[in-house]
């Protein structure tokens, strides 16, 4: 993510004095609401979706996630890389390549 994008979002929030409303709970709710709106784009149809609507709803999810990271003073790159480290340990490529099985379905076979 570019710093200019992050700064623009924070300025937008600060210019409106909205950080007072950005509790962890409110931001988590907003992320879920926007994720639901993204899912709604795909509801009831297998037809090609409007990429513009997907972009709009996905941007909302990202923006609220960025606001939550800011609220808790979290470095987005750092937390993503920490999670990727966990995922790489949980899902070694040589064990899971080409499969969509969940971690718990592999767990017992890895110990052999």
PDB file of N, CA and C in Angstrom:
ATOM      1  N   UNK A   1       0.846  -1.174   0.000  1.00  0.00           N
ATOM      2  CA  UNK A   1       0.000   0.000   0.000  1.00  0.00           C
ATOM      3  C   UNK A   1       0.897   1.245   0.000  1.00  0.00           C
ATOM      4  N   UNK A   2       0.488   2.196  -0.757  1.00  0.00           N
ATOM      5  CA  UNK A   2       1.248   3.444  -0.827  1.00  0.00           C
ATOM      6  C   UNK A   2       0.919   4.331   0.373  1.00  0.00           C
ATOM      7  N   UNK A   3       1.930   4.986   0.887  1.00  0.00           N
ATOM      8  CA  UNK A   3       1.742   5.879   2.033  1.00  0.00           C
ATOM      9  C   UNK A   3       0.757   6.996   1.688  1.00  0.00           C
ATOM     10  N   UNK A   4       0.780   7.475   0.470  1.00  0.00           N
ATOM     11  CA  UNK A   4      -0.130   8.550   0.064  1.00  0.00           C
ATOM     12  C   UNK A   4      -1.597   8.104   0.190  1.00  0.00           C
ATOM     13  N   UNK A   5      -1.873   6.847  -0.117  1.00  0.00           N
ATOM     14  CA  UNK A   5      -3.235   6.323   0.004  1.00  0.00           C
ATOM     15  C   UNK A   5      -3.648   6.277   1.466  1.00  0.00           C
ATOM     16  N   UNK A   6      -2.760   5.758   2.295  1.00  0.00           N
ATOM     17  CA  UNK A   6      -3.006   5.701   3.746  1.00  0.00           C
ATOM     18  C   UNK A   6      -3.239   7.110   4.292  1.00  0.00           C
ATOM     19  N   UNK A   7      -2.359   8.027   3.947  1.00  0.00           N
ATOM     20  CA  UNK A   7      -2.478   9.412   4.427  1.00  0.00           C
ATOM     21  C   UNK A   7      -3.783  10.058   3.972  1.00  0.00           C
ATOM     22  N   UNK A   8      -4.198   9.773   2.757  1.00  0.00           N
ATOM     23  CA  UNK A   8      -5.448  10.348   2.236  1.00  0.00           C
ATOM     24  C   UNK A   8      -6.644   9.851   3.047  1.00  0.00           C
ATOM     25  N   UNK A   9      -6.668   8.567   3.352  1.00  0.00           N
ATOM     26  CA  UNK A   9      -7.763   8.014   4.145  1.00  0.00           C
ATOM     27  C   UNK A   9      -7.793   8.617   5.548  1.00  0.00           C
ATOM     28  N   UNK A  10      -6.634   8.740   6.176  1.00  0.00           N
ATOM     29  CA  UNK A  10      -6.578   9.303   7.528  1.00  0.00           C
ATOM     30  C   UNK A  10      -6.984  10.781   7.530  1.00  0.00           C
ATOM     31  N   UNK A  11      -6.586  11.508   6.494  1.00  0.00           N
ATOM     32  CA  UNK A  11      -6.979  12.916   6.386  1.00  0.00           C
ATOM     33  C   UNK A  11      -8.489  13.036   6.216  1.00  0.00           C
ATOM     34  N   UNK A  12      -9.052  12.177   5.376  1.00  0.00           N
ATOM     35  CA  UNK A  12     -10.503  12.165   5.174  1.00  0.00           C
ATOM     36  C   UNK A  12     -11.211  11.971   6.520  1.00  0.00           C
ATOM     37  N   UNK A  13     -10.753  10.971   7.278  1.00  0.00           N
ATOM     38  CA  UNK A  13     -11.338  10.701   8.596  1.00  0.00           C
ATOM     39  C   UNK A  13     -11.144  11.879   9.538  1.00  0.00           C
ATOM     40  N   UNK A  14      -9.937  12.391   9.612  1.00  0.00           N
ATOM     41  CA  UNK A  14      -9.623  13.463  10.566  1.00  0.00           C
ATOM     42  C   UNK A  14     -10.311  14.774  10.223  1.00  0.00           C
ATOM     43  N   UNK A  15     -10.427  15.096   8.940  1.00  0.00           N
ATOM     44  CA  UNK A  15     -11.109  16.325   8.524  1.00  0.00           C
ATOM     45  C   UNK A  15     -12.573  16.335   8.958  1.00  0.00           C
ATOM     46  N   UNK A  16     -13.127  15.163   9.159  1.00  0.00           N
ATOM     47  CA  UNK A  16     -14.534  15.045   9.556  1.00  0.00           C
ATOM     48  C   UNK A  16     -14.711  14.721  11.040  1.00  0.00           C
ATOM     49  N   UNK A  17     -13.579  14.601  11.759  1.00  0.00           N
ATOM     50  CA  UNK A  17     -13.583  14.256  13.177  1.00  0.00           C
ATOM     51  C   UNK A  17     -14.353  12.963  13.439  1.00  0.00           C
ATOM     52  N   UNK A  18     -14.099  11.963  12.610  1.00  0.00           N
ATOM     53  CA  UNK A  18     -14.810  10.694  12.733  1.00  0.00           C
ATOM     54  C   UNK A  18     -14.065   9.664  13.572  1.00  0.00           C
ATOM     55  N   UNK A  19     -12.807   9.904  13.920  1.00  0.00           N
ATOM     56  CA  UNK A  19     -12.075   8.892  14.685  1.00  0.00           C
ATOM     57  C   UNK A  19     -12.742   8.618  16.033  1.00  0.00           C
ATOM     58  N   UNK A  20     -13.482   9.596  16.546  1.00  0.00           N
ATOM     59  CA  UNK A  20     -14.185   9.403  17.817  1.00  0.00           C
ATOM     60  C   UNK A  20     -15.209   8.263  17.726  1.00  0.00           C
ATOM     61  N   UNK A  21     -15.665   7.946  16.541  1.00  0.00           N
ATOM     62  CA  UNK A  21     -16.649   6.883  16.348  1.00  0.00           C
ATOM     63  C   UNK A  21     -16.001   5.544  15.978  1.00  0.00           C
ATOM     64  N   UNK A  22     -14.691   5.565  15.751  1.00  0.00           N
ATOM     65  CA  UNK A  22     -13.993   4.385  15.246  1.00  0.00           C
ATOM     66  C   UNK A  22     -13.454   3.514  16.377  1.00  0.00           C
ATOM     67  N   UNK A  23     -14.366   2.981  17.167  1.00  0.00           N
ATOM     68  CA  UNK A  23     -13.969   2.004  18.182  1.00  0.00           C
ATOM     69  C   UNK A  23     -13.666   0.689  17.473  1.00  0.00           C
ATOM     70  N   UNK A  24     -12.980  -0.181  18.162  1.00  0.00           N
ATOM     71  CA  UNK A  24     -12.710  -1.491  17.581  1.00  0.00           C
ATOM     72  C   UNK A  24     -13.989  -2.200  17.181  1.00  0.00           C
ATOM     73  N   UNK A  25     -14.979  -2.145  18.052  1.00  0.00           N
ATOM     74  CA  UNK A  25     -16.255  -2.800  17.781  1.00  0.00           C
ATOM     75  C   UNK A  25     -16.934  -2.215  16.547  1.00  0.00           C
ATOM     76  N   UNK A  26     -16.993  -0.882  16.460  1.00  0.00           N
ATOM     77  CA  UNK A  26     -17.645  -0.256  15.309  1.00  0.00           C
ATOM     78  C   UNK A  26     -16.915  -0.562  14.009  1.00  0.00           C
ATOM     79  N   UNK A  27     -15.588  -0.561  14.057  1.00  0.00           N
ATOM     80  CA  UNK A  27     -14.828  -0.858  12.847  1.00  0.00           C
ATOM     81  C   UNK A  27     -14.993  -2.315  12.435  1.00  0.00           C
ATOM     82  N   UNK A  28     -15.008  -3.231  13.407  1.00  0.00           N
ATOM     83  CA  UNK A  28     -15.221  -4.644  13.090  1.00  0.00           C
ATOM     84  C   UNK A  28     -16.603  -4.841  12.461  1.00  0.00           C
ATOM     85  N   UNK A  29     -17.602  -4.173  13.010  1.00  0.00           N
ATOM     86  CA  UNK A  29     -18.948  -4.252  12.434  1.00  0.00           C
ATOM     87  C   UNK A  29     -18.948  -3.716  11.006  1.00  0.00           C
ATOM     88  N   UNK A  30     -18.272  -2.605  10.798  1.00  0.00           N
ATOM     89  CA  UNK A  30     -18.241  -1.995   9.469  1.00  0.00           C
ATOM     90  C   UNK A  30     -17.548  -2.890   8.454  1.00  0.00           C
ATOM     91  N   UNK A  31     -16.463  -3.554   8.881  1.00  0.00           N
ATOM     92  CA  UNK A  31     -15.774  -4.492   7.982  1.00  0.00           C
ATOM     93  C   UNK A  31     -16.740  -5.600   7.570  1.00  0.00           C
ATOM     94  N   UNK A  32     -17.468  -6.147   8.530  1.00  0.00           N
ATOM     95  CA  UNK A  32     -18.400  -7.235   8.230  1.00  0.00           C
ATOM     96  C   UNK A  32     -19.555  -6.770   7.346  1.00  0.00           C
ATOM     97  N   UNK A  33     -20.053  -5.589   7.604  1.00  0.00           N
ATOM     98  CA  UNK A  33     -21.142  -5.050   6.778  1.00  0.00           C
ATOM     99  C   UNK A  33     -20.681  -4.889   5.333  1.00  0.00           C
ATOM    100  N   UNK A  34     -19.513  -4.307   5.157  1.00  0.00           N
ATOM    101  CA  UNK A  34     -19.001  -4.096   3.800  1.00  0.00           C
ATOM    102  C   UNK A  34     -18.654  -5.425   3.130  1.00  0.00           C
ATOM    103  N   UNK A  35     -18.131  -6.389   3.895  1.00  0.00           N
ATOM    104  CA  UNK A  35     -17.854  -7.716   3.335  1.00  0.00           C
ATOM    105  C   UNK A  35     -19.162  -8.368   2.889  1.00  0.00           C
ATOM    106  N   UNK A  36     -20.229  -8.152   3.653  1.00  0.00           N
ATOM    107  CA  UNK A  36     -21.540  -8.660   3.258  1.00  0.00           C
ATOM    108  C   UNK A  36     -22.021  -8.024   1.966  1.00  0.00           C
ATOM    109  N   UNK A  37     -21.766  -6.734   1.814  1.00  0.00           N
ATOM    110  CA  UNK A  37     -22.161  -6.055   0.579  1.00  0.00           C
ATOM    111  C   UNK A  37     -21.348  -6.574  -0.609  1.00  0.00           C
ATOM    112  N   UNK A  38     -20.090  -6.915  -0.376  1.00  0.00           N
ATOM    113  CA  UNK A  38     -19.278  -7.520  -1.430  1.00  0.00           C
ATOM    114  C   UNK A  38     -19.850  -8.888  -1.800  1.00  0.00           C
ATOM    115  N   UNK A  39     -20.221  -9.671  -0.821  1.00  0.00           N
ATOM    116  CA  UNK A  39     -20.812 -10.978  -1.078  1.00  0.00           C
ATOM    117  C   UNK A  39     -22.140 -10.854  -1.821  1.00  0.00           C
ATOM    118  N   UNK A  40     -22.886  -9.817  -1.499  1.00  0.00           N
ATOM    119  CA  UNK A  40     -24.179  -9.598  -2.144  1.00  0.00           C
ATOM    120  C   UNK A  40     -24.047  -9.423  -3.659  1.00  0.00           C
ATOM    121  N   UNK A  41     -22.906  -8.908  -4.096  1.00  0.00           N
ATOM    122  CA  UNK A  41     -22.670  -8.749  -5.534  1.00  0.00           C
ATOM    123  C   UNK A  41     -22.776 -10.093  -6.242  1.00  0.00           C
ATOM    124  N   UNK A  42     -22.430 -11.169  -5.539  1.00  0.00           N
ATOM    125  CA  UNK A  42     -22.406 -12.504  -6.139  1.00  0.00           C
ATOM    126  C   UNK A  42     -23.653 -13.327  -5.823  1.00  0.00           C
ATOM    127  N   UNK A  43     -24.595 -12.751  -5.103  1.00  0.00           N
ATOM    128  CA  UNK A  43     -25.782 -13.476  -4.680  1.00  0.00           C
ATOM    129  C   UNK A  43     -26.716 -13.781  -5.846  1.00  0.00           C
ATOM    130  N   UNK A  44     -27.271 -14.953  -5.844  1.00  0.00           N
ATOM    131  CA  UNK A  44     -28.343 -15.406  -6.719  1.00  0.00           C
ATOM    132  C   UNK A  44     -27.980 -15.537  -8.193  1.00  0.00           C
ATOM    133  N   UNK A  45     -26.726 -15.473  -8.527  1.00  0.00           N
ATOM    134  CA  UNK A  45     -26.397 -15.541  -9.943  1.00  0.00           C
ATOM    135  C   UNK A  45     -24.979 -16.032 -10.143  1.00  0.00           C
ATOM    136  N   UNK A  46     -24.799 -16.799 -11.207  1.00  0.00           N
ATOM    137  CA  UNK A  46     -23.465 -17.231 -11.602  1.00  0.00           C
ATOM    138  C   UNK A  46     -22.947 -16.409 -12.779  1.00  0.00           C
ATOM    139  N   UNK A  47     -23.724 -15.417 -13.181  1.00  0.00           N
ATOM    140  CA  UNK A  47     -23.338 -14.584 -14.317  1.00  0.00           C
ATOM    141  C   UNK A  47     -22.143 -13.708 -13.955  1.00  0.00           C
ATOM    142  N   UNK A  48     -21.508 -13.187 -14.969  1.00  0.00           N
ATOM    143  CA  UNK A  48     -20.379 -12.274 -14.782  1.00  0.00           C
ATOM    144  C   UNK A  48     -20.811 -11.080 -13.926  1.00  0.00           C
ATOM    145  N   UNK A  49     -19.996 -10.736 -12.960  1.00  0.00           N
ATOM    146  CA  UNK A  49     -20.330  -9.645 -12.046  1.00  0.00           C
ATOM    147  C   UNK A  49     -19.737  -8.328 -12.531  1.00  0.00           C
ATOM    148  N   UNK A  50     -20.348  -7.269 -12.084  1.00  0.00           N
ATOM    149  CA  UNK A  50     -19.851  -5.947 -12.414  1.00  0.00           C
ATOM    150  C   UNK A  50     -18.549  -5.696 -11.666  1.00  0.00           C
ATOM    151  N   UNK A  51     -17.476  -5.576 -12.388  1.00  0.00           N
ATOM    152  CA  UNK A  51     -16.178  -5.333 -11.751  1.00  0.00           C
ATOM    153  C   UNK A  51     -16.188  -3.999 -11.007  1.00  0.00           C
ATOM    154  N   UNK A  52     -16.957  -3.039 -11.479  1.00  0.00           N
ATOM    155  CA  UNK A  52     -17.034  -1.748 -10.794  1.00  0.00           C
ATOM    156  C   UNK A  52     -17.642  -1.905  -9.403  1.00  0.00           C
ATOM    157  N   UNK A  53     -18.678  -2.716  -9.281  1.00  0.00           N
ATOM    158  CA  UNK A  53     -19.320  -2.942  -7.977  1.00  0.00           C
ATOM    159  C   UNK A  53     -18.386  -3.737  -7.061  1.00  0.00           C
ATOM    160  N   UNK A  54     -17.681  -4.713  -7.615  1.00  0.00           N
ATOM    161  CA  UNK A  54     -16.703  -5.478  -6.830  1.00  0.00           C
ATOM    162  C   UNK A  54     -15.625  -4.535  -6.302  1.00  0.00           C
ATOM    163  N   UNK A  55     -15.102  -3.673  -7.162  1.00  0.00           N
ATOM    164  CA  UNK A  55     -14.066  -2.725  -6.742  1.00  0.00           C
ATOM    165  C   UNK A  55     -14.567  -1.809  -5.636  1.00  0.00           C
ATOM    166  N   UNK A  56     -15.780  -1.307  -5.786  1.00  0.00           N
ATOM    167  CA  UNK A  56     -16.352  -0.378  -4.809  1.00  0.00           C
ATOM    168  C   UNK A  56     -16.475  -1.033  -3.431  1.00  0.00           C
ATOM    169  N   UNK A  57     -17.032  -2.235  -3.388  1.00  0.00           N
ATOM    170  CA  UNK A  57     -17.242  -2.901  -2.098  1.00  0.00           C
ATOM    171  C   UNK A  57     -15.922  -3.389  -1.503  1.00  0.00           C
ATOM    172  N   UNK A  58     -15.025  -3.876  -2.334  1.00  0.00           N
ATOM    173  CA  UNK A  58     -13.715  -4.311  -1.851  1.00  0.00           C
ATOM    174  C   UNK A  58     -12.926  -3.136  -1.277  1.00  0.00           C
ATOM    175  N   UNK A  59     -13.024  -1.984  -1.926  1.00  0.00           N
ATOM    176  CA  UNK A  59     -12.364  -0.778  -1.409  1.00  0.00           C
ATOM    177  C   UNK A  59     -12.903  -0.423  -0.023  1.00  0.00           C
ATOM    178  N   UNK A  60     -14.216  -0.540   0.179  1.00  0.00           N
ATOM    179  CA  UNK A  60     -14.795  -0.267   1.498  1.00  0.00           C
ATOM    180  C   UNK A  60     -14.223  -1.205   2.559  1.00  0.00           C
ATOM    181  N   UNK A  61     -14.108  -2.493   2.231  1.00  0.00           N
ATOM    182  CA  UNK A  61     -13.540  -3.461   3.171  1.00  0.00           C
ATOM    183  C   UNK A  61     -12.099  -3.061   3.517  1.00  0.00           C
ATOM    184  N   UNK A  62     -11.298  -2.763   2.496  1.00  0.00           N
ATOM    185  CA  UNK A  62      -9.910  -2.377   2.727  1.00  0.00           C
ATOM    186  C   UNK A  62      -9.802  -1.110   3.578  1.00  0.00           C
ATOM    187  N   UNK A  63     -10.641  -0.138   3.280  1.00  0.00           N
ATOM    188  CA  UNK A  63     -10.560   1.123   4.030  1.00  0.00           C
ATOM    189  C   UNK A  63     -10.878   0.920   5.505  1.00  0.00           C
ATOM    190  N   UNK A  64     -11.931   0.167   5.802  1.00  0.00           N
ATOM    191  CA  UNK A  64     -12.245  -0.080   7.212  1.00  0.00           C
ATOM    192  C   UNK A  64     -11.155  -0.905   7.885  1.00  0.00           C
ATOM    193  N   UNK A  65     -10.563  -1.847   7.161  1.00  0.00           N
ATOM    194  CA  UNK A  65      -9.462  -2.631   7.726  1.00  0.00           C
ATOM    195  C   UNK A  65      -8.258  -1.726   8.022  1.00  0.00           C
ATOM    196  N   UNK A  66      -7.980  -0.788   7.129  1.00  0.00           N
ATOM    197  CA  UNK A  66      -6.886   0.158   7.359  1.00  0.00           C
ATOM    198  C   UNK A  66      -7.176   1.036   8.578  1.00  0.00           C
ATOM    199  N   UNK A  67      -8.424   1.464   8.715  1.00  0.00           N
ATOM    200  CA  UNK A  67      -8.804   2.281   9.870  1.00  0.00           C
ATOM    201  C   UNK A  67      -8.673   1.489  11.167  1.00  0.00           C
ATOM    202  N   UNK A  68      -8.990   0.195  11.130  1.00  0.00           N
ATOM    203  CA  UNK A  68      -8.839  -0.625  12.326  1.00  0.00           C
ATOM    204  C   UNK A  68      -7.361  -0.800  12.666  1.00  0.00           C
ATOM    205  N   UNK A  69      -6.539  -1.035  11.671  1.00  0.00           N
ATOM    206  CA  UNK A  69      -5.096  -1.158  11.921  1.00  0.00           C
ATOM    207  C   UNK A  69      -4.570   0.126  12.548  1.00  0.00           C
ATOM    208  N   UNK A  70      -5.009   1.260  12.041  1.00  0.00           N
ATOM    209  CA  UNK A  70      -4.586   2.542  12.604  1.00  0.00           C
ATOM    210  C   UNK A  70      -5.070   2.689  14.049  1.00  0.00           C
ATOM    211  N   UNK A  71      -6.290   2.283  14.304  1.00  0.00           N
ATOM    212  CA  UNK A  71      -6.879   2.394  15.649  1.00  0.00           C
ATOM    213  C   UNK A  71      -6.036   1.671  16.687  1.00  0.00           C
ATOM    214  N   UNK A  72      -5.468   0.517  16.289  1.00  0.00           N
ATOM    215  CA  UNK A  72      -4.672  -0.288  17.214  1.00  0.00           C
ATOM    216  C   UNK A  72      -3.169  -0.144  16.985  1.00  0.00           C
ATOM    217  N   UNK A  73      -2.785   0.850  16.191  1.00  0.00           N
ATOM    218  CA  UNK A  73      -1.367   1.141  15.924  1.00  0.00           C
ATOM    219  C   UNK A  73      -0.632  -0.087  15.377  1.00  0.00           C
ATOM    220  N   UNK A  74      -1.280  -0.753  14.417  1.00  0.00           N
ATOM    221  CA  UNK A  74      -0.702  -1.945  13.813  1.00  0.00           C
ATOM    222  C   UNK A  74      -0.114  -1.614  12.452  1.00  0.00           C
ATOM    223  N   UNK A  75       1.043  -2.162  12.186  1.00  0.00           N
ATOM    224  CA  UNK A  75       1.694  -2.004  10.893  1.00  0.00           C
ATOM    225  C   UNK A  75       1.133  -3.080   9.963  1.00  0.00           C
ATOM    226  N   UNK A  76       0.474  -2.670   8.901  1.00  0.00           N
ATOM    227  CA  UNK A  76      -0.220  -3.597   8.011  1.00  0.00           C
ATOM    228  C   UNK A  76       0.748  -4.597   7.391  1.00  0.00           C
ATOM    229  N   UNK A  77       1.883  -4.134   6.883  1.00  0.00           N
ATOM    230  CA  UNK A  77       2.861  -5.047   6.298  1.00  0.00           C
ATOM    231  C   UNK A  77       3.344  -6.059   7.336  1.00  0.00           C
ATOM    232  N   UNK A  78       3.588  -5.593   8.546  1.00  0.00           N
ATOM    233  CA  UNK A  78       4.086  -6.465   9.609  1.00  0.00           C
ATOM    234  C   UNK A  78       3.065  -7.553   9.965  1.00  0.00           C
ATOM    235  N   UNK A  79       1.814  -7.177  10.159  1.00  0.00           N
ATOM    236  CA  UNK A  79       0.834  -8.187  10.565  1.00  0.00           C
ATOM    237  C   UNK A  79       0.514  -9.162   9.433  1.00  0.00           C
ATOM    238  N   UNK A  80       0.555  -8.689   8.189  1.00  0.00           N
ATOM    239  CA  UNK A  80       0.346  -9.603   7.064  1.00  0.00           C
ATOM    240  C   UNK A  80       1.501 -10.592   6.982  1.00  0.00           C
ATOM    241  N   UNK A  81       2.727 -10.104   7.137  1.00  0.00           N
ATOM    242  CA  UNK A  81       3.881 -11.007   7.065  1.00  0.00           C
ATOM    243  C   UNK A  81       3.911 -11.991   8.231  1.00  0.00           C
ATOM    244  N   UNK A  82       3.511 -11.560   9.425  1.00  0.00           N
ATOM    245  CA  UNK A  82       3.415 -12.481  10.557  1.00  0.00           C
ATOM    246  C   UNK A  82       2.402 -13.586  10.255  1.00  0.00           C
ATOM    247  N   UNK A  83       1.254 -13.212   9.694  1.00  0.00           N
ATOM    248  CA  UNK A  83       0.232 -14.195   9.350  1.00  0.00           C
ATOM    249  C   UNK A  83       0.708 -15.111   8.231  1.00  0.00           C
ATOM    250  N   UNK A  84       1.432 -14.574   7.256  1.00  0.00           N
ATOM    251  CA  UNK A  84       1.979 -15.406   6.185  1.00  0.00           C
ATOM    252  C   UNK A  84       2.979 -16.417   6.740  1.00  0.00           C
ATOM    253  N   UNK A  85       3.788 -16.012   7.718  1.00  0.00           N
ATOM    254  CA  UNK A  85       4.710 -16.950   8.373  1.00  0.00           C
ATOM    255  C   UNK A  85       3.930 -18.112   8.987  1.00  0.00           C
ATOM    256  N   UNK A  86       2.835 -17.797   9.676  1.00  0.00           N
ATOM    257  CA  UNK A  86       1.993 -18.842  10.279  1.00  0.00           C
ATOM    258  C   UNK A  86       1.402 -19.751   9.199  1.00  0.00           C
ATOM    259  N   UNK A  87       0.877 -19.133   8.142  1.00  0.00           N
ATOM    260  CA  UNK A  87       0.264 -19.911   7.063  1.00  0.00           C
ATOM    261  C   UNK A  87       1.270 -20.830   6.384  1.00  0.00           C
ATOM    262  N   UNK A  88       2.494 -20.339   6.187  1.00  0.00           N
ATOM    263  CA  UNK A  88       3.514 -21.165   5.544  1.00  0.00           C
ATOM    264  C   UNK A  88       3.873 -22.367   6.413  1.00  0.00           C
ATOM    265  N   UNK A  89       3.839 -22.193   7.737  1.00  0.00           N
ATOM    266  CA  UNK A  89       4.088 -23.321   8.641  1.00  0.00           C
ATOM    267  C   UNK A  89       2.901 -24.289   8.652  1.00  0.00           C
ATOM    268  N   UNK A  90       1.692 -23.740   8.654  1.00  0.00           N
ATOM    269  CA  UNK A  90       0.490 -24.578   8.698  1.00  0.00           C
ATOM    270  C   UNK A  90       0.234 -25.320   7.395  1.00  0.00           C
ATOM    271  N   UNK A  91       0.599 -24.709   6.297  1.00  0.00           N
ATOM    272  CA  UNK A  91       0.301 -25.265   4.984  1.00  0.00           C
ATOM    273  C   UNK A  91       1.569 -25.379   4.136  1.00  0.00           C
ATOM    274  N   UNK A  92       2.469 -26.296   4.471  1.00  0.00           N
ATOM    275  CA  UNK A  92       3.684 -26.453   3.655  1.00  0.00           C
ATOM    276  C   UNK A  92       3.310 -26.836   2.222  1.00  0.00           C
ATOM    277  N   UNK A  93       3.885 -26.150   1.266  1.00  0.00           N
ATOM    278  CA  UNK A  93       3.517 -26.355  -0.139  1.00  0.00           C
ATOM    279  C   UNK A  93       3.619 -27.813  -0.549  1.00  0.00           C
ATOM    280  N   UNK A  94       4.637 -28.511  -0.078  1.00  0.00           N
ATOM    281  CA  UNK A  94       4.824 -29.907  -0.478  1.00  0.00           C
ATOM    282  C   UNK A  94       3.724 -30.830   0.065  1.00  0.00           C
ATOM    283  N   UNK A  95       2.994 -30.368   1.080  1.00  0.00           N
ATOM    284  CA  UNK A  95       1.920 -31.174   1.660  1.00  0.00           C
ATOM    285  C   UNK A  95       0.537 -30.816   1.105  1.00  0.00           C
ATOM    286  N   UNK A  96       0.345 -29.592   0.689  1.00  0.00           N
ATOM    287  CA  UNK A  96      -1.015 -29.135   0.368  1.00  0.00           C
ATOM    288  C   UNK A  96      -1.206 -28.675  -1.071  1.00  0.00           C
ATOM    289  N   UNK A  97      -0.172 -28.711  -1.854  1.00  0.00           N
ATOM    290  CA  UNK A  97      -0.260 -28.193  -3.221  1.00  0.00           C
ATOM    291  C   UNK A  97      -1.414 -28.826  -3.984  1.00  0.00           C
ATOM    292  N   UNK A  98      -2.267 -27.972  -4.546  1.00  0.00           N
ATOM    293  CA  UNK A  98      -3.380 -28.420  -5.365  1.00  0.00           C
ATOM    294  C   UNK A  98      -4.588 -28.910  -4.591  1.00  0.00           C
ATOM    295  N   UNK A  99      -4.590 -28.739  -3.285  1.00  0.00           N
ATOM    296  CA  UNK A  99      -5.704 -29.212  -2.467  1.00  0.00           C
ATOM    297  C   UNK A  99      -6.324 -28.050  -1.703  1.00  0.00           C
ATOM    298  N   UNK A 100      -7.619 -28.121  -1.489  1.00  0.00           N
ATOM    299  CA  UNK A 100      -8.314 -27.080  -0.724  1.00  0.00           C
ATOM    300  C   UNK A 100      -8.693 -27.565   0.668  1.00  0.00           C
ATOM    301  N   UNK A 101      -8.126 -28.694   1.104  1.00  0.00           N
ATOM    302  CA  UNK A 101      -8.433 -29.214   2.432  1.00  0.00           C
ATOM    303  C   UNK A 101      -8.007 -28.227   3.507  1.00  0.00           C
ATOM    304  N   UNK A 102      -8.719 -28.269   4.602  1.00  0.00           N
ATOM    305  CA  UNK A 102      -8.425 -27.399   5.732  1.00  0.00           C
ATOM    306  C   UNK A 102      -7.250 -27.963   6.530  1.00  0.00           C
ATOM    307  N   UNK A 103      -6.572 -27.096   7.233  1.00  0.00           N
ATOM    308  CA  UNK A 103      -5.419 -27.459   8.052  1.00  0.00           C
ATOM    309  C   UNK A 103      -5.700 -28.672   8.929  1.00  0.00           C
ATOM    310  N   UNK A 104      -6.858 -28.707   9.581  1.00  0.00           N
ATOM    311  CA  UNK A 104      -7.182 -29.796  10.503  1.00  0.00           C
ATOM    312  C   UNK A 104      -7.275 -31.148   9.796  1.00  0.00           C
ATOM    313  N   UNK A 105      -7.543 -31.160   8.503  1.00  0.00           N
ATOM    314  CA  UNK A 105      -7.628 -32.408   7.759  1.00  0.00           C
ATOM    315  C   UNK A 105      -6.232 -32.962   7.437  1.00  0.00           C
ATOM    316  N   UNK A 106      -5.222 -32.120   7.472  1.00  0.00           N
ATOM    317  CA  UNK A 106      -3.853 -32.539   7.204  1.00  0.00           C
ATOM    318  C   UNK A 106      -3.088 -32.841   8.484  1.00  0.00           C
ATOM    319  N   UNK A 107      -3.500 -32.232   9.545  1.00  0.00           N
ATOM    320  CA  UNK A 107      -2.755 -32.229  10.809  1.00  0.00           C
ATOM    321  C   UNK A 107      -2.243 -33.622  11.200  1.00  0.00           C
ATOM    322  N   UNK A 108      -3.082 -34.621  11.185  1.00  0.00           N
ATOM    323  CA  UNK A 108      -2.673 -35.945  11.648  1.00  0.00           C
ATOM    324  C   UNK A 108      -1.674 -36.590  10.699  1.00  0.00           C
ATOM    325  N   UNK A 109      -1.815 -36.359   9.409  1.00  0.00           N
ATOM    326  CA  UNK A 109      -0.897 -36.990   8.451  1.00  0.00           C
ATOM    327  C   UNK A 109       0.477 -36.332   8.473  1.00  0.00           C
ATOM    328  N   UNK A 110       0.592 -35.116   8.939  1.00  0.00           N
ATOM    329  CA  UNK A 110       1.893 -34.434   8.975  1.00  0.00           C
ATOM    330  C   UNK A 110       2.808 -35.013  10.041  1.00  0.00           C
ATOM    331  N   UNK A 111       2.244 -35.569  11.072  1.00  0.00           N
ATOM    332  CA  UNK A 111       3.058 -36.056  12.175  1.00  0.00           C
ATOM    333  C   UNK A 111       3.724 -37.387  11.842  1.00  0.00           C
ATOM    334  N   UNK A 112       3.342 -38.020  10.753  1.00  0.00           N
ATOM    335  CA  UNK A 112       3.906 -39.326  10.378  1.00  0.00           C
ATOM    336  C   UNK A 112       5.281 -39.181   9.783  1.00  0.00           C
TER     337      UNK A 112
END
